[in-house]
PDB file of N, CA and C in Angstrom:
ATOM      1  N   LEU A   1      65.352 172.978  -6.292  1.00  0.00           N
ATOM      2  CA  LEU A   1      64.632 172.305  -5.640  1.00  0.00           C
ATOM      3  C   LEU A   1      64.591 170.896  -5.732  1.00  0.00           C
ATOM      4  N   ASP A   2      63.961 170.667  -7.015  1.00  0.00           N
ATOM      5  CA  ASP A   2      64.063 169.069  -7.820  1.00  0.00           C
ATOM      6  C   ASP A   2      65.594 168.570  -7.722  1.00  0.00           C
ATOM      7  N   GLU A   3      66.506 169.237  -7.429  1.00  0.00           N
ATOM      8  CA  GLU A   3      67.820 168.582  -7.284  1.00  0.00           C
ATOM      9  C   GLU A   3      67.811 168.201  -5.563  1.00  0.00           C
ATOM     10  N   LEU A   4      67.371 168.985  -4.875  1.00  0.00           N
ATOM     11  CA  LEU A   4      67.356 168.728  -3.295  1.00  0.00           C
ATOM     12  C   LEU A   4      66.870 167.337  -2.911  1.00  0.00           C
ATOM     13  N   TYR A   5      65.671 167.542  -3.783  1.00  0.00           N
ATOM     14  CA  TYR A   5      64.591 166.268  -3.327  1.00  0.00           C
ATOM     15  C   TYR A   5      65.168 165.218  -4.022  1.00  0.00           C
ATOM     16  N   VAL A   6      65.796 165.257  -5.461  1.00  0.00           N
ATOM     17  CA  VAL A   6      66.652 163.930  -6.241  1.00  0.00           C
ATOM     18  C   VAL A   6      67.485 163.249  -4.913  1.00  0.00           C
ATOM     19  N   HIS A   7      68.521 164.326  -4.439  1.00  0.00           N
ATOM     20  CA  HIS A   7      69.469 163.924  -3.538  1.00  0.00           C
ATOM     21  C   HIS A   7      69.338 162.967  -2.548  1.00  0.00           C
ATOM     22  N   SER A   8      67.620 163.814  -2.076  1.00  0.00           N
ATOM     23  CA  SER A   8      67.172 163.427  -0.506  1.00  0.00           C
ATOM     24  C   SER A   8      66.587 161.807  -0.939  1.00  0.00           C
ATOM     25  N   ARG A   9      66.223 161.690  -1.893  1.00  0.00           N
ATOM     26  CA  ARG A   9      65.422 160.268  -2.493  1.00  0.00           C
ATOM     27  C   ARG A   9      66.693 159.373  -2.442  1.00  0.00           C
ATOM     28  N   LYS A  10      68.075 159.651  -2.907  1.00  0.00           N
ATOM     29  CA  LYS A  10      68.810 158.723  -3.130  1.00  0.00           C
ATOM     30  C   LYS A  10      69.523 158.064  -1.347  1.00  0.00           C
ATOM     31  N   ASN A  11      69.540 159.393  -0.876  1.00  0.00           N
ATOM     32  CA  ASN A  11      70.089 159.046   0.540  1.00  0.00           C
ATOM     33  C   ASN A  11      69.161 158.248   1.125  1.00  0.00           C
ATOM     34  N   LEU A  12      67.851 158.608   0.644  1.00  0.00           N
ATOM     35  CA  LEU A  12      66.738 157.717   1.372  1.00  0.00           C
ATOM     36  C   LEU A  12      66.866 156.416   0.771  1.00  0.00           C
ATOM     37  N   ASP A  13      66.958 156.283  -0.033  1.00  0.00           N
ATOM     38  CA  ASP A  13      66.877 154.988  -1.214  1.00  0.00           C
ATOM     39  C   ASP A  13      68.557 153.834  -0.279  1.00  0.00           C
ATOM     40  N   ARG A  14      69.164 154.727  -0.517  1.00  0.00           N
ATOM     41  CA  ARG A  14      71.106 154.137   0.591  1.00  0.00           C
ATOM     42  C   ARG A  14      70.526 153.525   1.964  1.00  0.00           C
ATOM     43  N   ASP A  15      70.109 154.161   2.632  1.00  0.00           N
ATOM     44  CA  ASP A  15      69.543 154.182   4.079  1.00  0.00           C
ATOM     45  C   ASP A  15      68.938 152.937   3.756  1.00  0.00           C
ATOM     46  N   LYS A  16      67.774 152.997   3.113  1.00  0.00           N
ATOM     47  CA  LYS A  16      66.346 152.202   3.444  1.00  0.00           C
ATOM     48  C   LYS A  16      68.032 150.287   2.889  1.00  0.00           C
ATOM     49  N   LEU A  17      68.242 150.413   1.869  1.00  0.00           N
ATOM     50  CA  LEU A  17      69.277 149.308   1.332  1.00  0.00           C
ATOM     51  C   LEU A  17      70.077 148.939   3.073  1.00  0.00           C
ATOM     52  N   ILE A  18      70.718 149.879   3.666  1.00  0.00           N
ATOM     53  CA  ILE A  18      71.773 149.321   4.480  1.00  0.00           C
ATOM     54  C   ILE A  18      71.283 148.830   5.865  1.00  0.00           C
ATOM     55  N   LEU A  19      69.643 149.708   5.855  1.00  0.00           N
ATOM     56  CA  LEU A  19      68.913 148.654   6.810  1.00  0.00           C
ATOM     57  C   LEU A  19      68.632 147.076   6.377  1.00  0.00           C
ATOM     58  N   GLU A  20      67.811 147.534   5.140  1.00  0.00           N
ATOM     59  CA  GLU A  20      67.580 146.266   4.648  1.00  0.00           C
ATOM     60  C   GLU A  20      68.676 144.942   5.263  1.00  0.00           C
ATOM     61  N   LYS A  21      69.610 145.352   4.613  1.00  0.00           N
ATOM     62  CA  LYS A  21      71.084 144.269   4.961  1.00  0.00           C
ATOM     63  C   LYS A  21      71.611 143.821   6.447  1.00  0.00           C
ATOM     64  N   ASP A  22      71.266 145.135   6.988  1.00  0.00           N
ATOM     65  CA  ASP A  22      71.207 144.818   8.538  1.00  0.00           C
ATOM     66  C   ASP A  22      70.774 144.215   9.052  1.00  0.00           C
ATOM     67  N   MET A  23      69.348 144.459   8.894  1.00  0.00           N
ATOM     68  CA  MET A  23      68.234 143.580   9.324  1.00  0.00           C
ATOM     69  C   MET A  23      68.312 142.031   8.975  1.00  0.00           C
ATOM     70  N   GLU A  24      69.034 141.627   8.062  1.00  0.00           N
ATOM     71  CA  GLU A  24      68.869 140.323   7.351  1.00  0.00           C
ATOM     72  C   GLU A  24      69.877 139.745   7.969  1.00  0.00           C
ATOM     73  N   THR A  25      71.128 140.427   8.487  1.00  0.00           N
ATOM     74  CA  THR A  25      71.919 139.797   9.282  1.00  0.00           C
ATOM     75  C   THR A  25      71.875 139.895  10.769  1.00  0.00           C
ATOM     76  N   LYS A  26      70.710 140.880  10.967  1.00  0.00           N
ATOM     77  CA  LYS A  26      70.688 140.294  12.462  1.00  0.00           C
ATOM     78  C   LYS A  26      69.206 139.060  13.101  1.00  0.00           C
ATOM     79  N   ILE A  27      68.431 138.478  11.712  1.00  0.00           N
ATOM     80  CA  ILE A  27      68.169 137.524  11.550  1.00  0.00           C
ATOM     81  C   ILE A  27      68.800 136.805  11.598  1.00  0.00           C
ATOM     82  N   ASN A  28      69.987 136.675  10.693  1.00  0.00           N
ATOM     83  CA  ASN A  28      70.668 135.396  10.488  1.00  0.00           C
ATOM     84  C   ASN A  28      71.365 135.209  11.577  1.00  0.00           C
ATOM     85  N   THR A  29      71.437 135.895  12.142  1.00  0.00           N
ATOM     86  CA  THR A  29      72.781 135.946  13.820  1.00  0.00           C
ATOM     87  C   THR A  29      71.491 135.346  14.815  1.00  0.00           C
ATOM     88  N   ILE A  30      70.140 136.148  14.556  1.00  0.00           N
ATOM     89  CA  ILE A  30      69.320 135.466  15.665  1.00  0.00           C
ATOM     90  C   ILE A  30      69.322 133.219  15.509  1.00  0.00           C
ATOM     91  N   PHE A  31      69.064 133.375  14.083  1.00  0.00           N
ATOM     92  CA  PHE A  31      68.435 131.752  13.688  1.00  0.00           C
ATOM     93  C   PHE A  31      69.815 130.802  13.744  1.00  0.00           C
ATOM     94  N   VAL A  32      70.893 131.592  13.664  1.00  0.00           N
ATOM     95  CA  VAL A  32      72.320 130.953  14.198  1.00  0.00           C
ATOM     96  C   VAL A  32      72.230 130.460  15.384  1.00  0.00           C
ATOM     97  N   ASP A  33      71.781 131.552  16.263  1.00  0.00           N
ATOM     98  CA  ASP A  33      71.878 131.536  17.842  1.00  0.00           C
ATOM     99  C   ASP A  33      70.919 131.209  18.424  1.00  0.00           C
ATOM    100  N   LYS A  34      70.154 131.012  17.715  1.00  0.00           N
ATOM    101  CA  LYS A  34      68.602 130.169  17.984  1.00  0.00           C
ATOM    102  C   LYS A  34      68.713 128.804  17.568  1.00  0.00           C
ATOM    103  N   VAL A  35      69.181 128.460  16.645  1.00  0.00           N
ATOM    104  CA  VAL A  35      68.841 126.753  16.418  1.00  0.00           C
ATOM    105  C   VAL A  35      70.297 126.526  16.432  1.00  0.00           C
ATOM    106  N   GLU A  36      71.242 127.084  15.506  1.00  0.00           N
ATOM    107  CA  GLU A  36      72.248 126.269  16.013  1.00  0.00           C
ATOM    108  C   GLU A  36      73.200 126.092  17.168  1.00  0.00           C
ATOM    109  N   CYS A  37      73.318 126.901  18.254  1.00  0.00           N
ATOM    110  CA  CYS A  37      73.949 126.925  19.368  1.00  0.00           C
ATOM    111  C   CYS A  37      73.023 125.779  20.735  1.00  0.00           C
ATOM    112  N   HIS A  38      71.863 126.583  20.744  1.00  0.00           N
ATOM    113  CA  HIS A  38      70.838 125.780  21.337  1.00  0.00           C
ATOM    114  C   HIS A  38      71.138 124.632  21.193  1.00  0.00           C
ATOM    115  N   GLU A  39      70.826 123.699  20.126  1.00  0.00           N
ATOM    116  CA  GLU A  39      71.156 122.685  19.100  1.00  0.00           C
ATOM    117  C   GLU A  39      72.286 121.867  20.081  1.00  0.00           C
ATOM    118  N   ASP A  40      73.171 122.747  19.873  1.00  0.00           N
ATOM    119  CA  ASP A  40      75.054 122.064  20.509  1.00  0.00           C
ATOM    120  C   ASP A  40      74.770 122.095  22.284  1.00  0.00           C
ATOM    121  N   LEU A  41      74.141 122.901  22.407  1.00  0.00           N
ATOM    122  CA  LEU A  41      73.955 122.367  24.066  1.00  0.00           C
ATOM    123  C   LEU A  41      72.992 121.660  24.189  1.00  0.00           C
ATOM    124  N   ARG A  42      72.168 121.662  23.880  1.00  0.00           N
ATOM    125  CA  ARG A  42      70.775 120.110  24.418  1.00  0.00           C
ATOM    126  C   ARG A  42      71.856 118.952  23.255  1.00  0.00           C
ATOM    127  N   LYS A  43      72.499 118.551  22.492  1.00  0.00           N
ATOM    128  CA  LYS A  43      73.330 117.466  22.718  1.00  0.00           C
ATOM    129  C   LYS A  43      74.237 117.201  23.690  1.00  0.00           C
ATOM    130  N   SER A  44      75.128 118.205  23.979  1.00  0.00           N
ATOM    131  CA  SER A  44      76.506 118.168  25.339  1.00  0.00           C
ATOM    132  C   SER A  44      75.370 118.027  26.716  1.00  0.00           C
ATOM    133  N   PHE A  45      74.443 117.969  26.399  1.00  0.00           N
ATOM    134  CA  PHE A  45      73.836 117.482  27.867  1.00  0.00           C
ATOM    135  C   PHE A  45      72.998 116.225  27.757  1.00  0.00           C
ATOM    136  N   SER A  46      73.224 114.764  28.713  1.00  0.00           N
ATOM    137  CA  SER A  46      72.688 113.966  28.865  1.00  0.00           C
ATOM    138  C   SER A  46      72.215 113.480  29.985  1.00  0.00           C
ATOM    139  N   VAL A  47      71.018 112.942  29.145  1.00  0.00           N
ATOM    140  CA  VAL A  47      70.011 112.738  30.805  1.00  0.00           C
ATOM    141  C   VAL A  47      70.402 111.181  30.985  1.00  0.00           C
ATOM    142  N   GLU A  48      70.561 110.702  32.503  1.00  0.00           N
ATOM    143  CA  GLU A  48      70.870 109.141  32.499  1.00  0.00           C
ATOM    144  C   GLU A  48      69.406 108.580  33.476  1.00  0.00           C
ATOM    145  N   ASP A  49      69.241 107.727  33.074  1.00  0.00           N
ATOM    146  CA  ASP A  49      67.734 107.142  33.786  1.00  0.00           C
ATOM    147  C   ASP A  49      68.421 106.831  34.984  1.00  0.00           C
TER     148      ASP A  49
END
């Protein structure tokens, strides 16, 4: 039973690390999309008086 617990715990820890890395990637992607891409879009449009 203890061995099963240790194995399950290791799997949970591994899954947690994978999810944290995935979240970090998604957060960075959202940042790039929001800041970098939209900034370039704003620069491409010019308003003339």
